[in-house]
Amino acid sequence: DLSSNNITEITQHSFANLTLLEELDLSSNNITEITQHSFANLTLLEELVLADNKIERIHHRAFARNTHLKRLSLQKCSLVNVPWEIFEHMKQLTALVLADNKIERIHHRAFARNTHLKRLSLQKCSLVNVPWEIFEHMKQLTALVLADNKIERIHHRAFARNTHLKRLSLQKCSLVNVPWEIFEHMKQLTAL
């Protein structure tokens, strides 16, 4: 656990010899950038917590070698733009927290390879538009938090393939209309 320190950068040598590391908590530091080599040697990493940092830039291949990653938290990191390719190699990812950032848009293919994702939090991200295709490949998704965004409309097919969804939070969005078709395939929904 390296949380609550004053770490400002992660170099390719920072964790070079820790090849068996499975969990890493770097939350509440002053990290501003994640490079292509920051976590390259941590190929067995399953959980990475980067919450509450000042990360403004993440290289699109920053997590390319972290193929065992199951849980990733980038909450409250000052992120404005998230390259869609950063999640591409995380095929085992089950929980992703991007809450409390300044992300206005997410590419429709951002989570296309994250088919095992069960929990996704995009709360308080300044999202204006959520492409309907964004959740299409998340067939195991059980909890989705989109609360506190600027979303005015949701496409009627946005959650059509999320048949395991149990919890959906859309509070404090700017929704004008909620098409009835949104809930058509949510037979397991227990909290709205």
C-alpha atoms as a PDB file:
ATOM      1  CA  ASP A   1       0.000   0.000   0.000  1.00  0.00           C
ATOM      2  CA  LEU A   2       1.541   3.271  -1.167  1.00  0.00           C
ATOM      3  CA  SER A   3      -1.569   5.418  -0.681  1.00  0.00           C
ATOM      4  CA  SER A   4      -1.582   8.872   0.912  1.00  0.00           C
ATOM      5  CA  ASN A   5       1.966   9.846   0.028  1.00  0.00           C
ATOM      6  CA  ASN A   6       3.399  12.537  -2.232  1.00  0.00           C
ATOM      7  CA  ILE A   7       4.324  10.336  -5.189  1.00  0.00           C
ATOM      8  CA  THR A   8       4.320  12.413  -8.378  1.00  0.00           C
ATOM      9  CA  GLU A   9       5.398   9.942 -11.044  1.00  0.00           C
ATOM     10  CA  ILE A  10       5.657   6.253 -11.839  1.00  0.00           C
ATOM     11  CA  THR A  11       8.632   5.399 -14.032  1.00  0.00           C
ATOM     12  CA  GLN A  12       9.343   2.148 -15.848  1.00  0.00           C
ATOM     13  CA  HIS A  13      11.804   1.296 -13.057  1.00  0.00           C
ATOM     14  CA  SER A  14       9.453   1.989 -10.137  1.00  0.00           C
ATOM     15  CA  PHE A  15       8.142  -1.584  -9.919  1.00  0.00           C
ATOM     16  CA  ALA A  16      10.590  -3.354 -12.253  1.00  0.00           C
ATOM     17  CA  ASN A  17      11.419  -6.176  -9.826  1.00  0.00           C
ATOM     18  CA  LEU A  18       7.916  -6.723  -8.442  1.00  0.00           C
ATOM     19  CA  THR A  19       6.764  -9.079 -11.162  1.00  0.00           C
ATOM     20  CA  LEU A  20       4.568 -11.128  -8.782  1.00  0.00           C
ATOM     21  CA  LEU A  21       2.615  -8.129  -7.490  1.00  0.00           C
ATOM     22  CA  GLU A  22      -1.164  -8.676  -7.672  1.00  0.00           C
ATOM     23  CA  GLU A  23      -2.508  -5.615  -5.821  1.00  0.00           C
ATOM     24  CA  LEU A  24      -1.288  -2.040  -5.838  1.00  0.00           C
ATOM     25  CA  ASP A  25      -2.819   0.973  -4.106  1.00  0.00           C
ATOM     26  CA  LEU A  26      -1.433   4.346  -5.180  1.00  0.00           C
ATOM     27  CA  SER A  27      -4.494   6.373  -4.185  1.00  0.00           C
ATOM     28  CA  SER A  28      -4.255   9.872  -2.714  1.00  0.00           C
ATOM     29  CA  ASN A  29      -0.917  10.829  -4.228  1.00  0.00           C
ATOM     30  CA  ASN A  30       0.097  13.519  -6.721  1.00  0.00           C
ATOM     31  CA  ILE A  31       0.549  11.376  -9.823  1.00  0.00           C
ATOM     32  CA  THR A  32      -0.145  13.409 -12.965  1.00  0.00           C
ATOM     33  CA  GLU A  33       0.543  10.974 -15.800  1.00  0.00           C
ATOM     34  CA  ILE A  34       0.436   7.250 -16.525  1.00  0.00           C
ATOM     35  CA  THR A  35       2.901   6.353 -19.247  1.00  0.00           C
ATOM     36  CA  GLN A  36       3.137   3.315 -21.466  1.00  0.00           C
ATOM     37  CA  HIS A  37       5.775   1.865 -19.129  1.00  0.00           C
ATOM     38  CA  SER A  38       4.395   2.794 -15.680  1.00  0.00           C
ATOM     39  CA  PHE A  39       2.986  -0.669 -14.933  1.00  0.00           C
ATOM     40  CA  ALA A  40       4.485  -2.686 -17.806  1.00  0.00           C
ATOM     41  CA  ASN A  41       6.368  -5.120 -15.535  1.00  0.00           C
ATOM     42  CA  LEU A  42       3.314  -5.858 -13.377  1.00  0.00           C
ATOM     43  CA  THR A  43       1.848  -8.482 -15.670  1.00  0.00           C
ATOM     44  CA  LEU A  44       0.101 -10.367 -12.824  1.00  0.00           C
ATOM     45  CA  LEU A  45      -1.582  -7.270 -11.398  1.00  0.00           C
ATOM     46  CA  GLU A  46      -5.261  -7.912 -10.580  1.00  0.00           C
ATOM     47  CA  GLU A  47      -6.202  -4.770  -8.666  1.00  0.00           C
ATOM     48  CA  LEU A  48      -4.954  -1.232  -9.221  1.00  0.00           C
ATOM     49  CA  VAL A  49      -6.200   1.756  -7.248  1.00  0.00           C
ATOM     50  CA  LEU A  50      -5.194   5.149  -8.615  1.00  0.00           C
ATOM     51  CA  ALA A  51      -8.077   7.106  -7.074  1.00  0.00           C
ATOM     52  CA  ASP A  52      -7.640  10.661  -5.842  1.00  0.00           C
ATOM     53  CA  ASN A  53      -4.614  11.615  -7.911  1.00  0.00           C
ATOM     54  CA  LYS A  54      -4.094  14.450 -10.369  1.00  0.00           C
ATOM     55  CA  ILE A  55      -3.847  12.271 -13.455  1.00  0.00           C
ATOM     56  CA  GLU A  56      -4.447  14.368 -16.540  1.00  0.00           C
ATOM     57  CA  ARG A  57      -3.048  12.000 -19.119  1.00  0.00           C
ATOM     58  CA  ILE A  58      -3.058   8.232 -19.574  1.00  0.00           C
ATOM     59  CA  HIS A  59      -1.102   6.782 -22.472  1.00  0.00           C
ATOM     60  CA  HIS A  60      -3.367   4.677 -24.706  1.00  0.00           C
ATOM     61  CA  ARG A  61      -1.134   1.609 -24.069  1.00  0.00           C
ATOM     62  CA  ALA A  62      -0.626   2.262 -20.347  1.00  0.00           C
ATOM     63  CA  PHE A  63      -2.297  -1.022 -19.327  1.00  0.00           C
ATOM     64  CA  ALA A  64      -1.503  -3.110 -22.413  1.00  0.00           C
ATOM     65  CA  ARG A  65       0.552  -5.642 -20.425  1.00  0.00           C
ATOM     66  CA  ASN A  66      -1.814  -5.774 -17.441  1.00  0.00           C
ATOM     67  CA  THR A  67      -4.032  -8.438 -18.951  1.00  0.00           C
ATOM     68  CA  HIS A  68      -4.956  -9.978 -15.560  1.00  0.00           C
ATOM     69  CA  LEU A  69      -6.406  -6.729 -14.201  1.00  0.00           C
ATOM     70  CA  LYS A  70      -9.824  -7.349 -12.625  1.00  0.00           C
ATOM     71  CA  ARG A  71     -10.408  -4.169 -10.640  1.00  0.00           C
ATOM     72  CA  LEU A  72      -9.332  -0.645 -11.618  1.00  0.00           C
ATOM     73  CA  SER A  73     -10.156   2.591  -9.839  1.00  0.00           C
ATOM     74  CA  LEU A  74      -9.460   5.930 -11.489  1.00  0.00           C
ATOM     75  CA  GLN A  75     -11.942   7.838  -9.350  1.00  0.00           C
ATOM     76  CA  LYS A  76     -11.329  11.539  -8.731  1.00  0.00           C
ATOM     77  CA  CYS A  77      -8.281  11.833 -10.964  1.00  0.00           C
ATOM     78  CA  SER A  78      -8.918  15.034 -12.961  1.00  0.00           C
ATOM     79  CA  LEU A  79      -9.338  12.992 -16.138  1.00  0.00           C
ATOM     80  CA  VAL A  80     -10.846  14.874 -19.061  1.00  0.00           C
ATOM     81  CA  ASN A  81     -10.111  12.481 -21.877  1.00  0.00           C
ATOM     82  CA  VAL A  82      -9.889   8.708 -21.646  1.00  0.00           C
ATOM     83  CA  PRO A  83      -8.396   7.079 -24.745  1.00  0.00           C
ATOM     84  CA  TRP A  84     -10.699   4.238 -25.728  1.00  0.00           C
ATOM     85  CA  GLU A  85      -7.749   1.890 -26.247  1.00  0.00           C
ATOM     86  CA  ILE A  86      -6.674   1.888 -22.583  1.00  0.00           C
ATOM     87  CA  PHE A  87      -9.235  -0.770 -21.632  1.00  0.00           C
ATOM     88  CA  GLU A  88      -8.663  -2.891 -24.736  1.00  0.00           C
ATOM     89  CA  HIS A  89      -6.340  -5.461 -23.146  1.00  0.00           C
ATOM     90  CA  MET A  90      -8.255  -5.770 -19.862  1.00  0.00           C
ATOM     91  CA  LYS A  91     -10.402  -8.698 -20.886  1.00  0.00           C
ATOM     92  CA  GLN A  92     -10.732  -9.964 -17.285  1.00  0.00           C
ATOM     93  CA  LEU A  93     -11.844  -6.615 -15.864  1.00  0.00           C
ATOM     94  CA  THR A  94     -14.887  -7.001 -13.568  1.00  0.00           C
ATOM     95  CA  ALA A  95     -14.989  -3.611 -11.793  1.00  0.00           C
ATOM     96  CA  LEU A  96     -14.136  -0.173 -13.169  1.00  0.00           C
ATOM     97  CA  VAL A  97     -14.547   3.133 -11.343  1.00  0.00           C
ATOM     98  CA  LEU A  98     -14.173   6.330 -13.371  1.00  0.00           C
ATOM     99  CA  ALA A  99     -16.378   8.447 -11.094  1.00  0.00           C
ATOM    100  CA  ASP A 100     -15.634  12.060 -10.136  1.00  0.00           C
ATOM    101  CA  ASN A 101     -13.728  13.042 -13.257  1.00  0.00           C
ATOM    102  CA  LYS A 102     -14.310  15.671 -15.942  1.00  0.00           C
ATOM    103  CA  ILE A 103     -14.982  13.215 -18.749  1.00  0.00           C
ATOM    104  CA  GLU A 104     -17.572  14.637 -21.142  1.00  0.00           C
ATOM    105  CA  ARG A 105     -17.462  11.859 -23.724  1.00  0.00           C
ATOM    106  CA  ILE A 106     -16.553   8.207 -23.900  1.00  0.00           C
ATOM    107  CA  HIS A 107     -15.873   6.529 -27.211  1.00  0.00           C
ATOM    108  CA  HIS A 108     -18.523   3.966 -28.177  1.00  0.00           C
ATOM    109  CA  ARG A 109     -15.845   1.208 -28.398  1.00  0.00           C
ATOM    110  CA  ALA A 110     -14.173   2.038 -25.064  1.00  0.00           C
ATOM    111  CA  PHE A 111     -15.483  -1.083 -23.312  1.00  0.00           C
ATOM    112  CA  ALA A 112     -15.942  -3.364 -26.320  1.00  0.00           C
ATOM    113  CA  ARG A 113     -13.483  -5.974 -25.015  1.00  0.00           C
ATOM    114  CA  ASN A 114     -14.543  -5.797 -21.365  1.00  0.00           C
ATOM    115  CA  THR A 115     -17.103  -8.550 -21.624  1.00  0.00           C
ATOM    116  CA  HIS A 116     -16.640  -9.657 -17.986  1.00  0.00           C
ATOM    117  CA  LEU A 117     -17.348  -6.214 -16.525  1.00  0.00           C
ATOM    118  CA  LYS A 118     -19.878  -6.478 -13.694  1.00  0.00           C
ATOM    119  CA  ARG A 119     -19.643  -3.061 -12.031  1.00  0.00           C
ATOM    120  CA  LEU A 120     -19.111   0.249 -13.798  1.00  0.00           C
ATOM    121  CA  SER A 121     -19.235   3.660 -12.151  1.00  0.00           C
ATOM    122  CA  LEU A 122     -19.292   6.781 -14.302  1.00  0.00           C
ATOM    123  CA  GLN A 123     -20.890   8.949 -11.639  1.00  0.00           C
ATOM    124  CA  LYS A 124     -20.187  12.680 -11.606  1.00  0.00           C
ATOM    125  CA  CYS A 125     -18.205  12.742 -14.840  1.00  0.00           C
ATOM    126  CA  SER A 126     -19.816  15.608 -16.764  1.00  0.00           C
ATOM    127  CA  LEU A 127     -21.048  13.123 -19.373  1.00  0.00           C
ATOM    128  CA  VAL A 128     -23.381  14.744 -21.866  1.00  0.00           C
ATOM    129  CA  ASN A 129     -23.935  11.920 -24.294  1.00  0.00           C
ATOM    130  CA  VAL A 130     -23.748   8.176 -23.752  1.00  0.00           C
ATOM    131  CA  PRO A 131     -23.567   6.261 -27.052  1.00  0.00           C
ATOM    132  CA  TRP A 132     -25.975   3.347 -27.004  1.00  0.00           C
ATOM    133  CA  GLU A 133     -23.251   0.942 -28.186  1.00  0.00           C
ATOM    134  CA  ILE A 134     -21.080   1.646 -25.145  1.00  0.00           C
ATOM    135  CA  PHE A 135     -22.723  -1.034 -22.959  1.00  0.00           C
ATOM    136  CA  GLU A 136     -23.435  -3.483 -25.771  1.00  0.00           C
ATOM    137  CA  HIS A 137     -20.674  -5.986 -24.944  1.00  0.00           C
ATOM    138  CA  MET A 138     -21.154  -5.893 -21.161  1.00  0.00           C
ATOM    139  CA  LYS A 139     -23.508  -8.822 -20.953  1.00  0.00           C
ATOM    140  CA  GLN A 140     -22.475  -9.622 -17.349  1.00  0.00           C
ATOM    141  CA  LEU A 141     -22.988  -6.076 -16.053  1.00  0.00           C
ATOM    142  CA  THR A 142     -24.924  -6.085 -12.752  1.00  0.00           C
ATOM    143  CA  ALA A 143     -24.357  -2.516 -11.473  1.00  0.00           C
ATOM    144  CA  LEU A 144     -24.165   0.688 -13.496  1.00  0.00           C
ATOM    145  CA  VAL A 145     -23.888   4.156 -11.959  1.00  0.00           C
ATOM    146  CA  LEU A 146     -24.433   7.116 -14.303  1.00  0.00           C
ATOM    147  CA  ALA A 147     -25.697   9.528 -11.621  1.00  0.00           C
ATOM    148  CA  ASP A 148     -24.746  13.218 -11.443  1.00  0.00           C
ATOM    149  CA  ASN A 149     -24.054  13.695 -15.137  1.00  0.00           C
ATOM    150  CA  LYS A 150     -25.468  16.029 -17.792  1.00  0.00           C
ATOM    151  CA  ILE A 151     -27.138  13.275 -19.793  1.00  0.00           C
ATOM    152  CA  GLU A 152     -30.361  14.517 -21.380  1.00  0.00           C
ATOM    153  CA  ARG A 153     -31.261  11.482 -23.465  1.00  0.00           C
ATOM    154  CA  ILE A 154     -30.619   7.782 -23.403  1.00  0.00           C
ATOM    155  CA  HIS A 155     -31.121   5.723 -26.514  1.00  0.00           C
ATOM    156  CA  HIS A 156     -33.923   3.180 -26.180  1.00  0.00           C
ATOM    157  CA  ARG A 157     -31.472   0.320 -26.948  1.00  0.00           C
ATOM    158  CA  ALA A 158     -28.746   1.512 -24.544  1.00  0.00           C
ATOM    159  CA  PHE A 159     -29.236  -1.381 -22.101  1.00  0.00           C
ATOM    160  CA  ALA A 160     -30.788  -3.959 -24.448  1.00  0.00           C
ATOM    161  CA  ARG A 161     -27.977  -6.490 -23.892  1.00  0.00           C
ATOM    162  CA  ASN A 162     -27.524  -5.862 -20.171  1.00  0.00           C
ATOM    163  CA  THR A 163     -30.004  -8.508 -19.093  1.00  0.00           C
ATOM    164  CA  HIS A 164     -28.192  -9.184 -15.775  1.00  0.00           C
ATOM    165  CA  LEU A 165     -28.382  -5.566 -14.626  1.00  0.00           C
ATOM    166  CA  LYS A 166     -29.596  -5.423 -11.006  1.00  0.00           C
ATOM    167  CA  ARG A 167     -28.718  -1.846 -10.050  1.00  0.00           C
ATOM    168  CA  LEU A 168     -29.012   1.222 -12.264  1.00  0.00           C
ATOM    169  CA  SER A 169     -28.504   4.773 -11.017  1.00  0.00           C
ATOM    170  CA  LEU A 170     -29.529   7.712 -13.190  1.00  0.00           C
ATOM    171  CA  GLN A 171     -30.243  10.229 -10.446  1.00  0.00           C
ATOM    172  CA  LYS A 172     -29.344  13.881 -10.910  1.00  0.00           C
ATOM    173  CA  CYS A 173     -28.919  13.549 -14.643  1.00  0.00           C
ATOM    174  CA  SER A 174     -30.661  16.030 -16.891  1.00  0.00           C
ATOM    175  CA  LEU A 175     -32.960  13.432 -18.435  1.00  0.00           C
ATOM    176  CA  VAL A 176     -35.849  14.913 -20.349  1.00  0.00           C
ATOM    177  CA  ASN A 177     -37.458  11.662 -21.441  1.00  0.00           C
ATOM    178  CA  VAL A 178     -36.983   8.007 -20.503  1.00  0.00           C
ATOM    179  CA  PRO A 179     -38.205   5.654 -23.229  1.00  0.00           C
ATOM    180  CA  TRP A 180     -40.028   2.622 -21.847  1.00  0.00           C
ATOM    181  CA  GLU A 181     -37.889   0.340 -24.048  1.00  0.00           C
ATOM    182  CA  ILE A 182     -34.876   1.064 -21.826  1.00  0.00           C
ATOM    183  CA  PHE A 183     -36.227  -1.288 -19.167  1.00  0.00           C
ATOM    184  CA  GLU A 184     -37.637  -3.910 -21.525  1.00  0.00           C
ATOM    185  CA  HIS A 185     -34.784  -6.422 -21.060  1.00  0.00           C
ATOM    186  CA  MET A 186     -33.994  -5.654 -17.402  1.00  0.00           C
ATOM    187  CA  LYS A 187     -35.876  -8.526 -15.807  1.00  0.00           C
ATOM    188  CA  GLN A 188     -33.375  -8.767 -12.910  1.00  0.00           C
ATOM    189  CA  LEU A 189     -33.362  -5.069 -11.995  1.00  0.00           C
ATOM    190  CA  THR A 190     -33.886  -4.656  -8.232  1.00  0.00           C
ATOM    191  CA  ALA A 191     -32.738  -1.050  -7.667  1.00  0.00           C
ATOM    192  CA  LEU A 192     -33.417   2.002  -9.797  1.00  0.00           C
END
